[in-house]
Amino acid sequence: MAQKQYRVTGMSCEHCAASITEEVSQVPGVTDVDVDVTAGSVSVGGTELDDARLRAAIVEAGYEVTEPAAA
């Protein structure tokens, strides 16, 4: 299973986490989404994860991907 992590700005509450989880979960291949609002990070697990689609899903939820998080 592949794993990708991102730094995300603009998150402040559980609603933020739910919005990101909902959008990212719709990306093909995603099996797990973990949003850490306090750390400003999103971890995504799955198979054949498409970086561009994952970033677009986070943006669609209303947040900005600032950089990949350190693994």
PDB file of N, CA and C in Angstrom:
ATOM      1  N   MET A   1       0.844  -1.180   0.000  1.00  0.00           N
ATOM      2  CA  MET A   1       0.000   0.000   0.000  1.00  0.00           C
ATOM      3  C   MET A   1       0.885   1.238   0.000  1.00  0.00           C
ATOM      4  N   ALA A   2       0.566   2.184  -0.847  1.00  0.00           N
ATOM      5  CA  ALA A   2       1.303   3.445  -0.931  1.00  0.00           C
ATOM      6  C   ALA A   2       0.808   4.410   0.140  1.00  0.00           C
ATOM      7  N   GLN A   3       1.678   5.329   0.527  1.00  0.00           N
ATOM      8  CA  GLN A   3       1.332   6.326   1.538  1.00  0.00           C
ATOM      9  C   GLN A   3       1.848   7.679   1.065  1.00  0.00           C
ATOM     10  N   LYS A   4       1.009   8.709   1.132  1.00  0.00           N
ATOM     11  CA  LYS A   4       1.428  10.075   0.794  1.00  0.00           C
ATOM     12  C   LYS A   4       1.019  10.983   1.938  1.00  0.00           C
ATOM     13  N   GLN A   5       1.862  11.990   2.198  1.00  0.00           N
ATOM     14  CA  GLN A   5       1.573  12.955   3.254  1.00  0.00           C
ATOM     15  C   GLN A   5       1.726  14.359   2.702  1.00  0.00           C
ATOM     16  N   TYR A   6       0.855  15.251   3.182  1.00  0.00           N
ATOM     17  CA  TYR A   6       0.848  16.637   2.721  1.00  0.00           C
ATOM     18  C   TYR A   6       0.727  17.592   3.895  1.00  0.00           C
ATOM     19  N   ARG A   7       1.332  18.770   3.759  1.00  0.00           N
ATOM     20  CA  ARG A   7       1.107  19.876   4.686  1.00  0.00           C
ATOM     21  C   ARG A   7      -0.028  20.692   4.086  1.00  0.00           C
ATOM     22  N   VAL A   8      -1.000  21.037   4.919  1.00  0.00           N
ATOM     23  CA  VAL A   8      -2.185  21.738   4.451  1.00  0.00           C
ATOM     24  C   VAL A   8      -2.451  22.936   5.356  1.00  0.00           C
ATOM     25  N   THR A   9      -2.728  24.096   4.762  1.00  0.00           N
ATOM     26  CA  THR A   9      -3.034  25.296   5.545  1.00  0.00           C
ATOM     27  C   THR A   9      -4.527  25.594   5.493  1.00  0.00           C
ATOM     28  N   GLY A  10      -4.986  26.300   6.522  1.00  0.00           N
ATOM     29  CA  GLY A  10      -6.372  26.743   6.568  1.00  0.00           C
ATOM     30  C   GLY A  10      -7.295  25.866   7.386  1.00  0.00           C
ATOM     31  N   MET A  11      -6.809  24.742   7.901  1.00  0.00           N
ATOM     32  CA  MET A  11      -7.646  23.846   8.705  1.00  0.00           C
ATOM     33  C   MET A  11      -7.678  24.346  10.152  1.00  0.00           C
ATOM     34  N   SER A  12      -8.880  24.309  10.759  1.00  0.00           N
ATOM     35  CA  SER A  12      -8.969  24.764  12.146  1.00  0.00           C
ATOM     36  C   SER A  12      -9.920  23.945  13.014  1.00  0.00           C
ATOM     37  N   CYS A  13     -10.652  23.004  12.414  1.00  0.00           N
ATOM     38  CA  CYS A  13     -11.654  22.281  13.210  1.00  0.00           C
ATOM     39  C   CYS A  13     -11.952  20.911  12.596  1.00  0.00           C
ATOM     40  N   GLU A  14     -12.803  20.171  13.276  1.00  0.00           N
ATOM     41  CA  GLU A  14     -13.178  18.838  12.784  1.00  0.00           C
ATOM     42  C   GLU A  14     -13.994  18.910  11.489  1.00  0.00           C
ATOM     43  N   HIS A  15     -14.704  20.009  11.270  1.00  0.00           N
ATOM     44  CA  HIS A  15     -15.430  20.176  10.009  1.00  0.00           C
ATOM     45  C   HIS A  15     -14.434  20.235   8.852  1.00  0.00           C
ATOM     46  N   CYS A  16     -13.312  20.910   9.079  1.00  0.00           N
ATOM     47  CA  CYS A  16     -12.250  20.967   8.070  1.00  0.00           C
ATOM     48  C   CYS A  16     -11.765  19.555   7.742  1.00  0.00           C
ATOM     49  N   ALA A  17     -11.510  18.780   8.784  1.00  0.00           N
ATOM     50  CA  ALA A  17     -11.037  17.411   8.608  1.00  0.00           C
ATOM     51  C   ALA A  17     -12.061  16.583   7.839  1.00  0.00           C
ATOM     52  N   ALA A  18     -13.335  16.744   8.173  1.00  0.00           N
ATOM     53  CA  ALA A  18     -14.390  15.982   7.499  1.00  0.00           C
ATOM     54  C   ALA A  18     -14.486  16.358   6.025  1.00  0.00           C
ATOM     55  N   SER A  19     -14.351  17.640   5.716  1.00  0.00           N
ATOM     56  CA  SER A  19     -14.428  18.097   4.327  1.00  0.00           C
ATOM     57  C   SER A  19     -13.299  17.510   3.494  1.00  0.00           C
ATOM     58  N   ILE A  20     -12.093  17.547   4.034  1.00  0.00           N
ATOM     59  CA  ILE A  20     -10.946  16.995   3.320  1.00  0.00           C
ATOM     60  C   ILE A  20     -11.095  15.487   3.166  1.00  0.00           C
ATOM     61  N   THR A  21     -11.486  14.819   4.237  1.00  0.00           N
ATOM     62  CA  THR A  21     -11.661  13.362   4.180  1.00  0.00           C
ATOM     63  C   THR A  21     -12.673  12.980   3.104  1.00  0.00           C
ATOM     64  N   GLU A  22     -13.774  13.706   3.041  1.00  0.00           N
ATOM     65  CA  GLU A  22     -14.817  13.410   2.051  1.00  0.00           C
ATOM     66  C   GLU A  22     -14.293  13.557   0.622  1.00  0.00           C
ATOM     67  N   GLU A  23     -13.609  14.662   0.343  1.00  0.00           N
ATOM     68  CA  GLU A  23     -13.101  14.899  -1.012  1.00  0.00           C
ATOM     69  C   GLU A  23     -12.002  13.902  -1.392  1.00  0.00           C
ATOM     70  N   VAL A  24     -11.037  13.712  -0.500  1.00  0.00           N
ATOM     71  CA  VAL A  24      -9.899  12.845  -0.814  1.00  0.00           C
ATOM     72  C   VAL A  24     -10.337  11.388  -0.940  1.00  0.00           C
ATOM     73  N   SER A  25     -11.324  10.975  -0.168  1.00  0.00           N
ATOM     74  CA  SER A  25     -11.816   9.593  -0.223  1.00  0.00           C
ATOM     75  C   SER A  25     -12.405   9.242  -1.586  1.00  0.00           C
ATOM     76  N   GLN A  26     -12.801  10.249  -2.352  1.00  0.00           N
ATOM     77  CA  GLN A  26     -13.391  10.014  -3.665  1.00  0.00           C
ATOM     78  C   GLN A  26     -12.343   9.789  -4.761  1.00  0.00           C
ATOM     79  N   VAL A  27     -11.076  10.051  -4.451  1.00  0.00           N
ATOM     80  CA  VAL A  27     -10.010   9.856  -5.432  1.00  0.00           C
ATOM     81  C   VAL A  27      -9.779   8.352  -5.607  1.00  0.00           C
ATOM     82  N   PRO A  28      -9.730   7.866  -6.861  1.00  0.00           N
ATOM     83  CA  PRO A  28      -9.512   6.437  -7.097  1.00  0.00           C
ATOM     84  C   PRO A  28      -8.242   5.927  -6.422  1.00  0.00           C
ATOM     85  N   GLY A  29      -8.347   4.766  -5.789  1.00  0.00           N
ATOM     86  CA  GLY A  29      -7.217   4.129  -5.146  1.00  0.00           C
ATOM     87  C   GLY A  29      -7.064   4.438  -3.667  1.00  0.00           C
ATOM     88  N   VAL A  30      -7.764   5.473  -3.174  1.00  0.00           N
ATOM     89  CA  VAL A  30      -7.636   5.869  -1.767  1.00  0.00           C
ATOM     90  C   VAL A  30      -8.410   4.896  -0.883  1.00  0.00           C
ATOM     91  N   THR A  31      -7.731   4.378   0.136  1.00  0.00           N
ATOM     92  CA  THR A  31      -8.386   3.472   1.085  1.00  0.00           C
ATOM     93  C   THR A  31      -8.392   4.041   2.502  1.00  0.00           C
ATOM     94  N   ASP A  32      -7.532   5.049   2.770  1.00  0.00           N
ATOM     95  CA  ASP A  32      -7.433   5.589   4.122  1.00  0.00           C
ATOM     96  C   ASP A  32      -7.024   7.055   4.063  1.00  0.00           C
ATOM     97  N   VAL A  33      -7.712   7.900   4.860  1.00  0.00           N
ATOM     98  CA  VAL A  33      -7.373   9.315   4.958  1.00  0.00           C
ATOM     99  C   VAL A  33      -7.301   9.663   6.439  1.00  0.00           C
ATOM    100  N   ASP A  34      -6.188  10.274   6.840  1.00  0.00           N
ATOM    101  CA  ASP A  34      -6.019  10.708   8.220  1.00  0.00           C
ATOM    102  C   ASP A  34      -5.645  12.183   8.215  1.00  0.00           C
ATOM    103  N   VAL A  35      -6.535  13.023   8.769  1.00  0.00           N
ATOM    104  CA  VAL A  35      -6.305  14.457   8.812  1.00  0.00           C
ATOM    105  C   VAL A  35      -5.957  14.845  10.246  1.00  0.00           C
ATOM    106  N   ASP A  36      -4.819  15.509  10.411  1.00  0.00           N
ATOM    107  CA  ASP A  36      -4.393  16.014  11.717  1.00  0.00           C
ATOM    108  C   ASP A  36      -4.455  17.534  11.651  1.00  0.00           C
ATOM    109  N   VAL A  37      -5.561  18.089  12.160  1.00  0.00           N
ATOM    110  CA  VAL A  37      -5.793  19.529  12.099  1.00  0.00           C
ATOM    111  C   VAL A  37      -4.698  20.285  12.851  1.00  0.00           C
ATOM    112  N   THR A  38      -4.338  19.814  14.025  1.00  0.00           N
ATOM    113  CA  THR A  38      -3.341  20.483  14.857  1.00  0.00           C
ATOM    114  C   THR A  38      -1.982  20.565  14.159  1.00  0.00           C
ATOM    115  N   ALA A  39      -1.570  19.480  13.536  1.00  0.00           N
ATOM    116  CA  ALA A  39      -0.279  19.444  12.845  1.00  0.00           C
ATOM    117  C   ALA A  39      -0.350  20.041  11.440  1.00  0.00           C
ATOM    118  N   GLY A  40      -1.563  20.226  10.910  1.00  0.00           N
ATOM    119  CA  GLY A  40      -1.720  20.736   9.552  1.00  0.00           C
ATOM    120  C   GLY A  40      -1.261  19.741   8.514  1.00  0.00           C
ATOM    121  N   SER A  41      -1.588  18.458   8.755  1.00  0.00           N
ATOM    122  CA  SER A  41      -1.148  17.433   7.817  1.00  0.00           C
ATOM    123  C   SER A  41      -2.289  16.505   7.414  1.00  0.00           C
ATOM    124  N   VAL A  42      -2.124  15.939   6.231  1.00  0.00           N
ATOM    125  CA  VAL A  42      -3.064  14.955   5.702  1.00  0.00           C
ATOM    126  C   VAL A  42      -2.244  13.764   5.216  1.00  0.00           C
ATOM    127  N   SER A  43      -2.577  12.577   5.707  1.00  0.00           N
ATOM    128  CA  SER A  43      -1.936  11.340   5.274  1.00  0.00           C
ATOM    129  C   SER A  43      -2.955  10.536   4.484  1.00  0.00           C
ATOM    130  N   VAL A  44      -2.527  10.011   3.356  1.00  0.00           N
ATOM    131  CA  VAL A  44      -3.413   9.254   2.480  1.00  0.00           C
ATOM    132  C   VAL A  44      -2.776   7.903   2.193  1.00  0.00           C
ATOM    133  N   GLY A  45      -3.544   6.837   2.349  1.00  0.00           N
ATOM    134  CA  GLY A  45      -3.083   5.499   2.030  1.00  0.00           C
ATOM    135  C   GLY A  45      -3.923   4.908   0.921  1.00  0.00           C
ATOM    136  N   GLY A  46      -3.324   4.028   0.143  1.00  0.00           N
ATOM    137  CA  GLY A  46      -4.064   3.374  -0.925  1.00  0.00           C
ATOM    138  C   GLY A  46      -3.133   2.768  -1.945  1.00  0.00           C
ATOM    139  N   THR A  47      -3.675   2.496  -3.098  1.00  0.00           N
ATOM    140  CA  THR A  47      -2.896   1.913  -4.181  1.00  0.00           C
ATOM    141  C   THR A  47      -2.920   2.845  -5.384  1.00  0.00           C
ATOM    142  N   GLU A  48      -1.795   2.937  -6.078  1.00  0.00           N
ATOM    143  CA  GLU A  48      -1.673   3.766  -7.274  1.00  0.00           C
ATOM    144  C   GLU A  48      -2.216   5.172  -7.042  1.00  0.00           C
ATOM    145  N   LEU A  49      -1.738   5.830  -5.990  1.00  0.00           N
ATOM    146  CA  LEU A  49      -2.207   7.165  -5.639  1.00  0.00           C
ATOM    147  C   LEU A  49      -1.665   8.205  -6.619  1.00  0.00           C
ATOM    148  N   ASP A  50      -2.552   9.047  -7.112  1.00  0.00           N
ATOM    149  CA  ASP A  50      -2.203  10.089  -8.070  1.00  0.00           C
ATOM    150  C   ASP A  50      -2.020  11.402  -7.309  1.00  0.00           C
ATOM    151  N   ASP A  51      -0.776  11.873  -7.230  1.00  0.00           N
ATOM    152  CA  ASP A  51      -0.460  13.077  -6.470  1.00  0.00           C
ATOM    153  C   ASP A  51      -1.286  14.282  -6.916  1.00  0.00           C
ATOM    154  N   ALA A  52      -1.412  14.484  -8.206  1.00  0.00           N
ATOM    155  CA  ALA A  52      -2.157  15.634  -8.725  1.00  0.00           C
ATOM    156  C   ALA A  52      -3.629  15.574  -8.323  1.00  0.00           C
ATOM    157  N   ARG A  53      -4.216  14.399  -8.381  1.00  0.00           N
ATOM    158  CA  ARG A  53      -5.623  14.244  -7.993  1.00  0.00           C
ATOM    159  C   ARG A  53      -5.818  14.463  -6.495  1.00  0.00           C
ATOM    160  N   LEU A  54      -4.864  13.979  -5.696  1.00  0.00           N
ATOM    161  CA  LEU A  54      -4.963  14.173  -4.250  1.00  0.00           C
ATOM    162  C   LEU A  54      -4.870  15.649  -3.906  1.00  0.00           C
ATOM    163  N   ARG A  55      -3.926  16.347  -4.504  1.00  0.00           N
ATOM    164  CA  ARG A  55      -3.788  17.788  -4.269  1.00  0.00           C
ATOM    165  C   ARG A  55      -5.047  18.530  -4.710  1.00  0.00           C
ATOM    166  N   ALA A  56      -5.581  18.165  -5.866  1.00  0.00           N
ATOM    167  CA  ALA A  56      -6.793  18.808  -6.382  1.00  0.00           C
ATOM    168  C   ALA A  56      -7.978  18.574  -5.449  1.00  0.00           C
ATOM    169  N   ALA A  57      -8.070  17.406  -4.857  1.00  0.00           N
ATOM    170  CA  ALA A  57      -9.161  17.108  -3.933  1.00  0.00           C
ATOM    171  C   ALA A  57      -9.062  17.972  -2.678  1.00  0.00           C
ATOM    172  N   ILE A  58      -7.856  18.179  -2.180  1.00  0.00           N
ATOM    173  CA  ILE A  58      -7.666  19.033  -1.008  1.00  0.00           C
ATOM    174  C   ILE A  58      -8.047  20.475  -1.341  1.00  0.00           C
ATOM    175  N   VAL A  59      -7.643  20.941  -2.516  1.00  0.00           N
ATOM    176  CA  VAL A  59      -8.003  22.289  -2.958  1.00  0.00           C
ATOM    177  C   VAL A  59      -9.517  22.402  -3.136  1.00  0.00           C
ATOM    178  N   GLU A  60     -10.132  21.387  -3.705  1.00  0.00           N
ATOM    179  CA  GLU A  60     -11.594  21.366  -3.898  1.00  0.00           C
ATOM    180  C   GLU A  60     -12.323  21.481  -2.562  1.00  0.00           C
ATOM    181  N   ALA A  61     -11.729  20.917  -1.515  1.00  0.00           N
ATOM    182  CA  ALA A  61     -12.330  21.004  -0.176  1.00  0.00           C
ATOM    183  C   ALA A  61     -12.174  22.400   0.417  1.00  0.00           C
ATOM    184  N   GLY A  62     -11.323  23.237  -0.203  1.00  0.00           N
ATOM    185  CA  GLY A  62     -11.175  24.615   0.238  1.00  0.00           C
ATOM    186  C   GLY A  62      -9.893  24.926   0.990  1.00  0.00           C
ATOM    187  N   TYR A  63      -8.878  24.085   0.822  1.00  0.00           N
ATOM    188  CA  TYR A  63      -7.630  24.259   1.563  1.00  0.00           C
ATOM    189  C   TYR A  63      -6.447  24.270   0.612  1.00  0.00           C
ATOM    190  N   GLU A  64      -5.288  24.682   1.109  1.00  0.00           N
ATOM    191  CA  GLU A  64      -4.098  24.801   0.279  1.00  0.00           C
ATOM    192  C   GLU A  64      -3.037  23.797   0.702  1.00  0.00           C
ATOM    193  N   VAL A  65      -2.497  23.087  -0.284  1.00  0.00           N
ATOM    194  CA  VAL A  65      -1.386  22.179  -0.028  1.00  0.00           C
ATOM    195  C   VAL A  65      -0.121  23.028  -0.161  1.00  0.00           C
ATOM    196  N   THR A  66       0.642  23.134   0.930  1.00  0.00           N
ATOM    197  CA  THR A  66       1.827  23.981   0.894  1.00  0.00           C
ATOM    198  C   THR A  66       3.060  23.222   0.447  1.00  0.00           C
ATOM    199  N   GLU A  67       3.134  21.934   0.779  1.00  0.00           N
ATOM    200  CA  GLU A  67       4.264  21.100   0.399  1.00  0.00           C
ATOM    201  C   GLU A  67       3.989  19.674   0.832  1.00  0.00           C
ATOM    202  N   PRO A  68       4.698  18.730   0.250  1.00  0.00           N
ATOM    203  CA  PRO A  68       4.574  17.376   0.802  1.00  0.00           C
ATOM    204  C   PRO A  68       5.143  17.365   2.226  1.00  0.00           C
ATOM    205  N   ALA A  69       4.526  16.654   3.101  1.00  0.00           N
ATOM    206  CA  ALA A  69       5.043  16.517   4.462  1.00  0.00           C
ATOM    207  C   ALA A  69       6.224  15.567   4.459  1.00  0.00           C
ATOM    208  N   ALA A  70       7.121  15.764   5.386  1.00  0.00           N
ATOM    209  CA  ALA A  70       8.252  14.843   5.519  1.00  0.00           C
ATOM    210  C   ALA A  70       7.734  13.490   5.948  1.00  0.00           C
ATOM    211  N   ALA A  71       8.241  12.448   5.321  1.00  0.00           N
ATOM    212  CA  ALA A  71       7.774  11.096   5.632  1.00  0.00           C
ATOM    213  C   ALA A  71       8.276  10.623   6.966  1.00  0.00           C
TER     214      ALA A  71
END
